[in-house]
Amino acid sequence: MRRLTAPLVRCALVVGLLLTAVGCGASGKDRVTIMVPWTKTEFAAFYTVIQAFEDDHPTIEVDPRVTRDLTPQLDAAVAADAAPDLAVLPNVGALTKFHHDDVLETIEVDTESFLRPFGDLAMQDGDVYAVPVKADVKSLIWYDPKVVVPPPPKTWSALRSRPEPWCLGLASGPTSGWPGADWIADILLAEEGVGAYEAWVSGKTKWASKPVSDAWSMWHGLVEKNRSRSGLTQASTLAFDAAAAGMKDDSCSLSRGTLSAMGLEPQEVKKYTTVEPPLDQPLEVSADFVVKFTGSESAAELIKYLASAEAQQAWVDEPGFALSAHKDVTRYRDSTQGKVARMLRSGRPLCFSAADAMDPDVSAAFYQAVLEYVNGEDLTELLRSLDRVQRTLGKDDSPASTPLCGTPNRS
């Protein structure tokens, strides 16, 4: 890929694609542009790491560009020959897509420093194309121990008998429905295991099969507790990161998801605790991966730094709930954060989110089906429809061969 040599031209092009640039002025330093999906506390933690890099590299200036709609914005930038030097991709599907498009530069980083499957996914066809800079555990159940007594059980099957209402928000712009999709995938993974999960994600198992149908039904049975039909329908318009706030006013008692997606401030999180799944239960995880689009040597220096234990430790030391998949990062400033991080190293199998690894057309249909399900549509017909989408729109180059799951060594 040809790199534009005029920084002001490239800056104008990218800003024209509605990106928020922290700064585009000329400074005489070598500029490294990096597109990121984070805002607020998450971005502040990342920017602290960037400032430390700039202090150690006085001839390099890092220019972060913030967008919450990263993949389509990045698509537009690549099409305009105005790709940033680096970008932080929010999921497996985006990484696979840009690798298949042959627009990524290889990276000189040893992925053996990262836990499986994070390090595995960073490699494609024997070369390294990504660095997992931020990890998350999605298979978490949150509650207030002063309110939920006795503590919730550890398995989805046992949770069906508990009366506490769940916090549920499914709205997320064009990807509304994904929180339910993640949750359904988590149930299937826990109830049926890694083999069944990978077979479903790759399209070898039908959506209308009993294991997949049972996961949908179990999810619906959980989230409809203590809700009227209109109350369940309202979940489709409630923002996913606003749902957990219901635990503050006792309108709901249990919440599922990652720390960073809960929408709570760091001081608020300390009020809650999480159920630790059984040691033999696989966990659904996610990661943000930094990738390289240009041949910039300064960008190569930055990505090498972001992959280091030093930078990743500095990152988790900041507020923002960051977890690291780096094997040498084991110290956490917050006990809740540390508890979740230890789950990554517990020996449980770890699997990336199903929808993130599916063909984009299939993922979009999955999200829409979730919304229709909570709005009262028949499950059997929805799953048959998803099978039709899989047959007609699923592409042969979908990431079926992606290393979706892996078991890290205990540490």
Protein backbone atom coordinates (compact mmCIF):
# COMPACT_ATOMS: atom_id res chain seq x y z
CA MET A 1 0.00 0.00 0.00
CA ARG A 2 1.29 3.48 -0.92
CA ARG A 3 1.70 5.82 2.03
CA LEU A 4 0.78 9.47 1.44
CA THR A 5 3.81 11.62 2.09
CA ALA A 6 1.99 14.88 2.82
CA PRO A 7 0.72 14.74 6.42
CA LEU A 8 -1.65 17.66 5.96
CA VAL A 9 -3.27 16.05 2.91
CA ARG A 10 -3.78 12.79 4.76
CA CYS A 11 -5.11 14.60 7.81
CA ALA A 12 -7.66 16.48 5.70
CA LEU A 13 -8.81 13.28 4.02
CA VAL A 14 -9.32 11.40 7.24
CA VAL A 15 -11.01 14.27 9.03
CA GLY A 16 -13.30 14.53 6.01
CA LEU A 17 -14.32 10.95 6.79
CA LEU A 18 -15.71 12.21 10.12
CA LEU A 19 -12.92 11.07 12.37
CA THR A 20 -12.15 13.03 15.50
CA ALA A 21 -8.48 13.93 15.43
CA VAL A 22 -6.68 15.00 18.56
CA GLY A 23 -4.41 17.18 16.46
CA CYS A 24 -3.32 17.68 12.86
CA GLY A 25 -0.83 20.51 13.04
CA ALA A 26 2.71 20.17 11.83
CA SER A 27 5.26 19.85 14.62
CA GLY A 28 8.46 18.91 12.81
CA LYS A 29 8.31 15.48 14.45
CA ASP A 30 7.59 12.20 12.73
CA ARG A 31 3.81 11.81 13.00
CA VAL A 32 2.22 8.42 13.78
CA THR A 33 -1.54 8.27 13.30
CA ILE A 34 -3.54 5.65 15.19
CA MET A 35 -7.29 5.13 14.99
CA VAL A 36 -8.87 3.98 18.28
CA PRO A 37 -12.42 3.05 19.41
CA TRP A 38 -12.15 4.27 23.00
CA THR A 39 -13.60 7.31 24.73
CA LYS A 40 -13.71 8.74 28.26
CA THR A 41 -11.87 6.67 30.90
CA GLU A 42 -10.67 4.04 28.43
CA PHE A 43 -9.14 6.65 26.15
CA ALA A 44 -7.56 8.51 29.09
CA ALA A 45 -5.77 5.32 30.17
CA PHE A 46 -4.53 4.68 26.64
CA TYR A 47 -3.36 8.28 26.22
CA THR A 48 -1.27 8.04 29.40
CA VAL A 49 0.60 5.15 27.79
CA ILE A 50 1.06 7.18 24.60
CA GLN A 51 2.49 10.11 26.55
CA ALA A 52 5.04 7.80 28.17
CA PHE A 53 6.07 6.58 24.70
CA GLU A 54 6.46 10.16 23.43
CA ASP A 55 8.60 11.04 26.45
CA ASP A 56 10.95 8.19 25.55
CA HIS A 57 10.83 9.00 21.80
CA PRO A 58 11.11 12.79 21.53
CA THR A 59 11.28 12.75 17.71
CA ILE A 60 7.91 10.96 17.39
CA GLU A 61 4.47 12.48 17.85
CA VAL A 62 1.43 10.19 18.17
CA ASP A 63 -1.85 11.43 16.72
CA PRO A 64 -4.83 9.38 18.02
CA ARG A 65 -8.08 9.59 16.03
CA VAL A 66 -11.16 8.55 17.96
CA THR A 67 -14.22 6.92 16.41
CA ARG A 68 -16.91 4.68 17.90
CA ASP A 69 -17.78 3.38 14.42
CA LEU A 70 -14.28 2.20 13.69
CA THR A 71 -14.56 -0.55 11.09
CA PRO A 72 -16.62 1.36 8.48
CA GLN A 73 -14.57 4.51 9.08
CA LEU A 74 -11.40 2.53 8.57
CA ASP A 75 -12.86 0.96 5.44
CA ALA A 76 -13.48 4.43 4.06
CA ALA A 77 -9.96 5.60 4.96
CA VAL A 78 -8.37 2.57 3.29
CA ALA A 79 -10.49 3.10 0.16
CA ALA A 80 -9.36 6.76 0.06
CA ASP A 81 -5.70 5.71 0.34
CA ALA A 82 -5.68 7.57 3.64
CA ALA A 83 -5.34 4.73 6.11
CA PRO A 84 -3.81 5.61 9.48
CA ASP A 85 -0.42 4.17 10.30
CA LEU A 86 -2.01 2.03 13.03
CA ALA A 87 -5.53 1.14 14.10
CA VAL A 88 -7.01 -0.68 17.08
CA LEU A 89 -9.49 -3.26 15.82
CA PRO A 90 -12.27 -4.14 18.28
CA ASN A 91 -12.91 -7.76 17.34
CA VAL A 92 -11.87 -10.95 15.58
CA GLY A 93 -14.00 -10.27 12.51
CA ALA A 94 -12.38 -6.91 11.77
CA LEU A 95 -8.89 -8.41 12.08
CA THR A 96 -9.78 -11.27 9.75
CA LYS A 97 -11.44 -8.92 7.26
CA PHE A 98 -8.48 -6.56 6.87
CA HIS A 99 -6.06 -9.48 6.67
CA HIS A 100 -8.17 -11.05 3.91
CA ASP A 101 -8.20 -7.68 2.13
CA ASP A 102 -4.38 -7.83 2.10
CA VAL A 103 -3.97 -4.31 3.50
CA LEU A 104 -2.09 -5.09 6.71
CA GLU A 105 1.67 -4.86 7.21
CA THR A 106 3.49 -7.60 9.09
CA ILE A 107 4.68 -6.77 12.61
CA GLU A 108 8.00 -7.71 14.19
CA VAL A 109 6.67 -8.83 17.58
CA ASP A 110 6.96 -12.19 19.36
CA THR A 111 3.41 -13.36 20.08
CA GLU A 112 4.75 -16.06 22.42
CA SER A 113 4.59 -13.36 25.09
CA PHE A 114 0.78 -13.51 24.99
CA LEU A 115 -1.64 -16.06 26.37
CA ARG A 116 -3.47 -18.37 24.01
CA PRO A 117 -5.70 -17.79 22.06
CA PHE A 118 -4.74 -14.08 21.97
CA GLY A 119 -1.26 -14.78 20.62
CA ASP A 120 -2.60 -17.37 18.19
CA LEU A 121 -5.05 -14.92 16.66
CA ALA A 122 -2.33 -12.29 16.24
CA MET A 123 -0.68 -14.61 13.71
CA GLN A 124 -2.10 -15.24 10.25
CA ASP A 125 -0.48 -17.68 7.82
CA GLY A 126 2.66 -17.84 9.95
CA ASP A 127 3.26 -14.09 10.18
CA VAL A 128 2.31 -11.63 12.92
CA TYR A 129 -0.26 -9.05 11.87
CA ALA A 130 -1.63 -7.83 15.20
CA VAL A 131 -0.87 -7.23 18.86
CA PRO A 132 -3.54 -7.83 21.54
CA VAL A 133 -3.30 -4.62 23.53
CA LYS A 134 -6.40 -4.97 25.69
CA ALA A 135 -8.31 -8.09 26.76
CA ASP A 136 -11.73 -8.66 28.31
CA VAL A 137 -13.65 -11.53 29.91
CA LYS A 138 -17.28 -11.51 28.82
CA SER A 139 -18.50 -14.51 30.86
CA LEU A 140 -19.10 -12.48 34.00
CA ILE A 141 -22.19 -12.17 36.20
CA TRP A 142 -22.28 -9.06 38.39
CA TYR A 143 -24.34 -8.44 41.52
CA ASP A 144 -24.46 -6.46 44.76
CA PRO A 145 -23.69 -8.92 47.60
CA LYS A 146 -25.77 -6.78 49.99
CA VAL A 147 -28.83 -7.17 47.78
CA VAL A 148 -28.52 -10.63 46.21
CA VAL A 149 -28.54 -13.17 49.03
CA PRO A 150 -27.54 -15.97 48.83
CA PRO A 151 -24.99 -15.41 46.05
CA PRO A 152 -26.04 -16.50 42.56
CA PRO A 153 -25.05 -20.04 41.46
CA LYS A 154 -22.21 -20.53 39.02
CA THR A 155 -23.98 -22.20 36.09
CA TRP A 156 -26.62 -20.97 33.65
CA SER A 157 -28.78 -24.02 34.32
CA ALA A 158 -28.87 -23.28 38.03
CA LEU A 159 -29.49 -19.57 37.44
CA ARG A 160 -32.80 -20.34 35.75
CA SER A 161 -34.36 -21.02 39.16
CA ARG A 162 -33.27 -17.72 40.70
CA PRO A 163 -35.93 -14.97 40.93
CA GLU A 164 -33.67 -11.92 40.53
CA PRO A 165 -34.33 -9.81 37.40
CA TRP A 166 -31.53 -9.25 34.93
CA CYS A 167 -30.33 -5.89 33.66
CA LEU A 168 -30.71 -5.91 29.90
CA GLY A 169 -29.90 -3.29 27.28
CA LEU A 170 -29.57 -4.24 23.61
CA ALA A 171 -29.29 -0.88 21.85
CA SER A 172 -25.93 -0.09 20.24
CA GLY A 173 -26.52 1.89 17.06
CA PRO A 174 -26.15 -0.17 13.87
CA THR A 175 -25.01 -3.22 15.88
CA SER A 176 -27.97 -3.22 18.29
CA GLY A 177 -28.64 -6.72 19.50
CA TRP A 178 -25.00 -7.73 20.01
CA PRO A 179 -25.23 -7.94 23.84
CA GLY A 180 -27.91 -10.62 23.47
CA ALA A 181 -25.90 -12.39 20.77
CA ASP A 182 -22.86 -12.49 23.06
CA TRP A 183 -24.97 -13.82 25.89
CA ILE A 184 -26.55 -16.59 23.80
CA ALA A 185 -23.10 -17.60 22.57
CA ASP A 186 -21.83 -17.67 26.15
CA ILE A 187 -24.65 -20.00 27.19
CA LEU A 188 -23.98 -22.35 24.26
CA LEU A 189 -20.26 -22.39 25.05
CA ALA A 190 -20.86 -23.14 28.74
CA GLU A 191 -23.56 -25.77 28.19
CA GLU A 192 -22.18 -27.58 25.13
CA GLY A 193 -18.42 -26.98 25.21
CA VAL A 194 -15.74 -25.77 22.81
CA GLY A 195 -16.33 -28.33 20.05
CA ALA A 196 -20.03 -27.53 19.68
CA TYR A 197 -19.28 -23.81 19.85
CA GLU A 198 -16.68 -23.90 17.08
CA ALA A 199 -18.90 -26.08 14.89
CA TRP A 200 -21.73 -23.56 15.20
CA VAL A 201 -19.51 -20.55 14.52
CA SER A 202 -18.01 -22.19 11.42
CA GLY A 203 -21.45 -22.98 9.99
CA LYS A 204 -21.15 -26.76 10.41
CA THR A 205 -24.00 -26.83 12.95
CA LYS A 206 -27.38 -25.44 11.95
CA TRP A 207 -28.95 -22.55 13.83
CA ALA A 208 -32.15 -24.57 14.17
CA SER A 209 -30.31 -27.49 15.84
CA LYS A 210 -31.34 -28.38 19.37
CA PRO A 211 -28.15 -27.17 21.16
CA VAL A 212 -28.36 -23.74 19.53
CA SER A 213 -32.12 -23.47 19.97
CA ASP A 214 -31.80 -24.46 23.64
CA ALA A 215 -29.25 -21.67 24.22
CA TRP A 216 -31.65 -19.09 22.75
CA SER A 217 -34.53 -20.41 24.86
CA MET A 218 -32.46 -20.43 28.05
CA TRP A 219 -31.38 -16.83 27.43
CA HIS A 220 -34.97 -15.71 26.86
CA GLY A 221 -36.12 -17.50 29.99
CA LEU A 222 -33.48 -15.70 32.03
CA VAL A 223 -34.07 -12.16 30.78
CA GLU A 224 -37.87 -12.22 30.79
CA LYS A 225 -38.02 -12.72 34.57
CA ASN A 226 -40.21 -10.19 36.35
CA ARG A 227 -40.89 -8.35 33.10
CA SER A 228 -44.07 -7.67 31.22
CA ARG A 229 -44.00 -8.13 27.45
CA SER A 230 -43.65 -4.36 27.03
CA GLY A 231 -40.85 -4.34 29.60
CA LEU A 232 -38.87 -6.93 27.66
CA THR A 233 -39.47 -5.07 24.42
CA GLN A 234 -38.05 -1.89 25.98
CA ALA A 235 -34.70 -3.65 26.34
CA SER A 236 -34.27 -3.35 22.57
CA THR A 237 -34.09 0.45 22.90
CA LEU A 238 -32.08 0.67 26.13
CA ALA A 239 -28.36 1.30 25.58
CA PHE A 240 -26.25 -1.70 26.51
CA ASP A 241 -23.93 0.40 28.70
CA ALA A 242 -26.84 1.96 30.59
CA ALA A 243 -28.52 -1.28 31.64
CA ALA A 244 -26.31 -2.06 34.65
CA ALA A 245 -27.28 1.28 36.21
CA GLY A 246 -30.51 -0.47 37.19
CA MET A 247 -28.57 -2.21 39.96
CA LYS A 248 -28.22 1.18 41.64
CA ASP A 249 -31.96 1.68 42.06
CA ASP A 250 -32.77 -2.04 42.47
CA SER A 251 -34.84 -2.17 39.27
CA CYS A 252 -32.64 -5.14 38.32
CA SER A 253 -30.24 -7.27 40.34
CA LEU A 254 -27.94 -9.20 37.99
CA SER A 255 -25.82 -7.99 35.08
CA ARG A 256 -23.75 -9.90 32.55
CA GLY A 257 -20.71 -8.70 30.63
CA THR A 258 -17.27 -7.17 30.79
CA LEU A 259 -16.10 -4.53 33.22
CA SER A 260 -15.58 -1.99 30.46
CA ALA A 261 -19.09 -2.47 29.04
CA MET A 262 -20.96 -2.01 32.32
CA GLY A 263 -21.12 1.76 32.02
CA LEU A 264 -20.21 2.23 35.69
CA GLU A 265 -17.52 4.48 37.09
CA PRO A 266 -14.51 2.82 38.76
CA GLN A 267 -15.66 3.81 42.23
CA GLU A 268 -19.10 2.31 41.54
CA VAL A 269 -17.72 -1.05 40.44
CA LYS A 270 -16.27 -1.65 43.90
CA LYS A 271 -19.81 -2.03 45.20
CA TYR A 272 -20.35 -5.14 43.08
CA THR A 273 -18.78 -8.56 42.82
CA THR A 274 -18.74 -11.21 40.14
CA VAL A 275 -19.62 -14.89 40.09
CA GLU A 276 -16.58 -16.95 39.13
CA PRO A 277 -17.57 -19.73 36.68
CA PRO A 278 -16.57 -23.36 37.39
CA LEU A 279 -12.97 -24.20 36.51
CA ASP A 280 -14.08 -26.61 33.80
CA GLN A 281 -16.32 -24.05 32.08
CA PRO A 282 -14.93 -22.28 29.00
CA LEU A 283 -14.99 -18.48 29.04
CA GLU A 284 -16.06 -16.09 26.32
CA VAL A 285 -13.40 -13.40 25.84
CA SER A 286 -12.61 -10.49 23.55
CA ALA A 287 -9.64 -8.31 22.72
CA ASP A 288 -8.65 -5.09 21.00
CA PHE A 289 -5.86 -5.66 18.47
CA VAL A 290 -3.52 -3.01 17.10
CA VAL A 291 -2.62 -3.49 13.43
CA LYS A 292 -0.32 -1.68 11.01
CA PHE A 293 -1.31 -0.22 7.63
CA THR A 294 1.85 1.60 6.54
CA GLY A 295 5.58 1.06 6.44
CA SER A 296 6.29 3.84 8.95
CA GLU A 297 9.31 2.99 11.09
CA SER A 298 8.00 5.21 13.87
CA ALA A 299 4.71 3.30 13.82
CA ALA A 300 6.71 0.09 14.12
CA GLU A 301 8.41 1.56 17.22
CA LEU A 302 5.04 2.42 18.76
CA ILE A 303 3.51 -0.98 18.14
CA LYS A 304 6.61 -2.66 19.56
CA TYR A 305 6.21 -0.52 22.67
CA LEU A 306 2.48 -1.28 22.99
CA ALA A 307 3.30 -4.99 22.87
CA SER A 308 5.80 -4.73 25.75
CA ALA A 309 5.11 -5.80 29.32
CA GLU A 310 6.14 -2.30 30.41
CA ALA A 311 3.44 -0.56 28.38
CA GLN A 312 0.75 -3.11 29.14
CA GLN A 313 1.49 -2.91 32.85
CA ALA A 314 1.27 0.90 32.70
CA TRP A 315 -2.06 0.56 30.90
CA VAL A 316 -3.67 -1.70 33.53
CA ASP A 317 -2.31 0.55 36.28
CA GLU A 318 -4.60 3.33 35.00
CA PRO A 319 -8.37 3.55 35.62
CA GLY A 320 -10.43 2.07 32.82
CA PHE A 321 -10.71 -1.65 33.58
CA ALA A 322 -8.03 -2.73 31.09
CA LEU A 323 -6.85 -6.33 31.28
CA SER A 324 -3.72 -7.64 29.61
CA ALA A 325 -3.14 -10.94 27.82
CA HIS A 326 0.63 -10.47 28.23
CA LYS A 327 2.08 -13.32 30.26
CA ASP A 328 4.29 -11.00 32.34
CA VAL A 329 1.50 -8.62 33.42
CA THR A 330 0.07 -10.05 36.63
CA ARG A 331 -0.23 -7.04 38.96
CA TYR A 332 -3.50 -5.08 39.09
CA ARG A 333 -4.36 -1.91 40.97
CA ASP A 334 -7.91 -3.00 41.74
CA SER A 335 -8.89 -6.29 43.42
CA THR A 336 -11.98 -6.73 41.23
CA GLN A 337 -9.92 -6.17 38.09
CA GLY A 338 -7.27 -8.59 39.37
CA LYS A 339 -9.89 -11.26 40.06
CA VAL A 340 -11.15 -11.08 36.49
CA ALA A 341 -7.59 -11.05 35.08
CA ARG A 342 -6.77 -14.25 36.96
CA MET A 343 -9.61 -15.99 35.13
CA LEU A 344 -7.59 -15.55 31.93
CA ARG A 345 -4.77 -17.58 33.51
CA SER A 346 -6.86 -20.20 35.32
CA GLY A 347 -6.46 -22.94 32.72
CA ARG A 348 -10.02 -22.60 31.43
CA PRO A 349 -10.47 -22.73 27.66
CA LEU A 350 -10.96 -19.22 26.26
CA CYS A 351 -13.06 -18.52 23.16
CA PHE A 352 -13.58 -15.29 21.26
CA SER A 353 -17.13 -14.03 20.74
CA ALA A 354 -19.03 -16.03 18.15
CA ALA A 355 -20.67 -13.17 16.27
CA ASP A 356 -17.36 -11.34 15.95
CA ALA A 357 -15.90 -14.34 14.12
CA MET A 358 -18.86 -14.97 11.80
CA ASP A 359 -19.29 -13.58 8.32
CA PRO A 360 -20.48 -9.94 8.73
CA ASP A 361 -23.78 -10.65 6.95
CA VAL A 362 -24.48 -13.54 9.31
CA SER A 363 -23.53 -11.47 12.36
CA ALA A 364 -25.88 -8.66 11.29
CA ALA A 365 -28.72 -11.15 10.88
CA PHE A 366 -27.89 -12.63 14.31
CA TYR A 367 -28.17 -9.21 15.97
CA GLN A 368 -31.46 -8.46 14.22
CA ALA A 369 -32.89 -11.83 15.24
CA VAL A 370 -32.08 -11.07 18.88
CA LEU A 371 -34.10 -7.85 18.68
CA GLU A 372 -37.00 -9.61 16.99
CA TYR A 373 -36.95 -12.39 19.58
CA VAL A 374 -37.40 -10.00 22.51
CA ASN A 375 -40.15 -8.31 20.51
CA GLY A 376 -42.14 -11.54 20.41
CA GLU A 377 -41.17 -13.23 17.13
CA ASP A 378 -41.25 -17.02 16.94
CA LEU A 379 -37.87 -18.60 17.71
CA THR A 380 -38.23 -21.53 15.31
CA GLU A 381 -38.84 -19.26 12.36
CA LEU A 382 -36.02 -16.91 13.38
CA LEU A 383 -33.52 -19.77 13.50
CA ARG A 384 -34.70 -21.12 10.15
CA SER A 385 -34.22 -17.65 8.75
CA LEU A 386 -30.67 -17.54 10.13
CA ASP A 387 -29.95 -20.87 8.46
CA ARG A 388 -31.11 -19.37 5.15
CA VAL A 389 -28.81 -16.38 5.70
CA GLN A 390 -25.93 -18.75 6.47
CA ARG A 391 -26.52 -20.67 3.22
CA THR A 392 -27.01 -17.69 0.93
CA LEU A 393 -24.80 -14.93 2.37
CA GLY A 394 -22.11 -16.75 4.33
CA LYS A 395 -18.90 -16.50 2.29
CA ASP A 396 -16.31 -19.19 1.72
CA ASP A 397 -13.62 -16.85 3.12
CA SER A 398 -15.44 -16.30 6.44
CA PRO A 399 -13.09 -16.85 9.39
CA ALA A 400 -13.97 -20.50 9.97
CA SER A 401 -10.24 -21.28 10.25
CA THR A 402 -9.61 -18.49 12.75
CA PRO A 403 -8.09 -19.83 16.01
CA LEU A 404 -11.27 -19.01 17.92
CA CYS A 405 -10.47 -20.92 21.11
CA GLY A 406 -7.37 -21.84 23.07
CA THR A 407 -6.28 -22.93 26.53
CA PRO A 408 -3.52 -20.83 28.14
CA ASN A 409 -1.01 -22.44 30.47
CA ARG A 410 -1.85 -21.96 34.11
CA SER A 411 0.08 -19.16 35.82
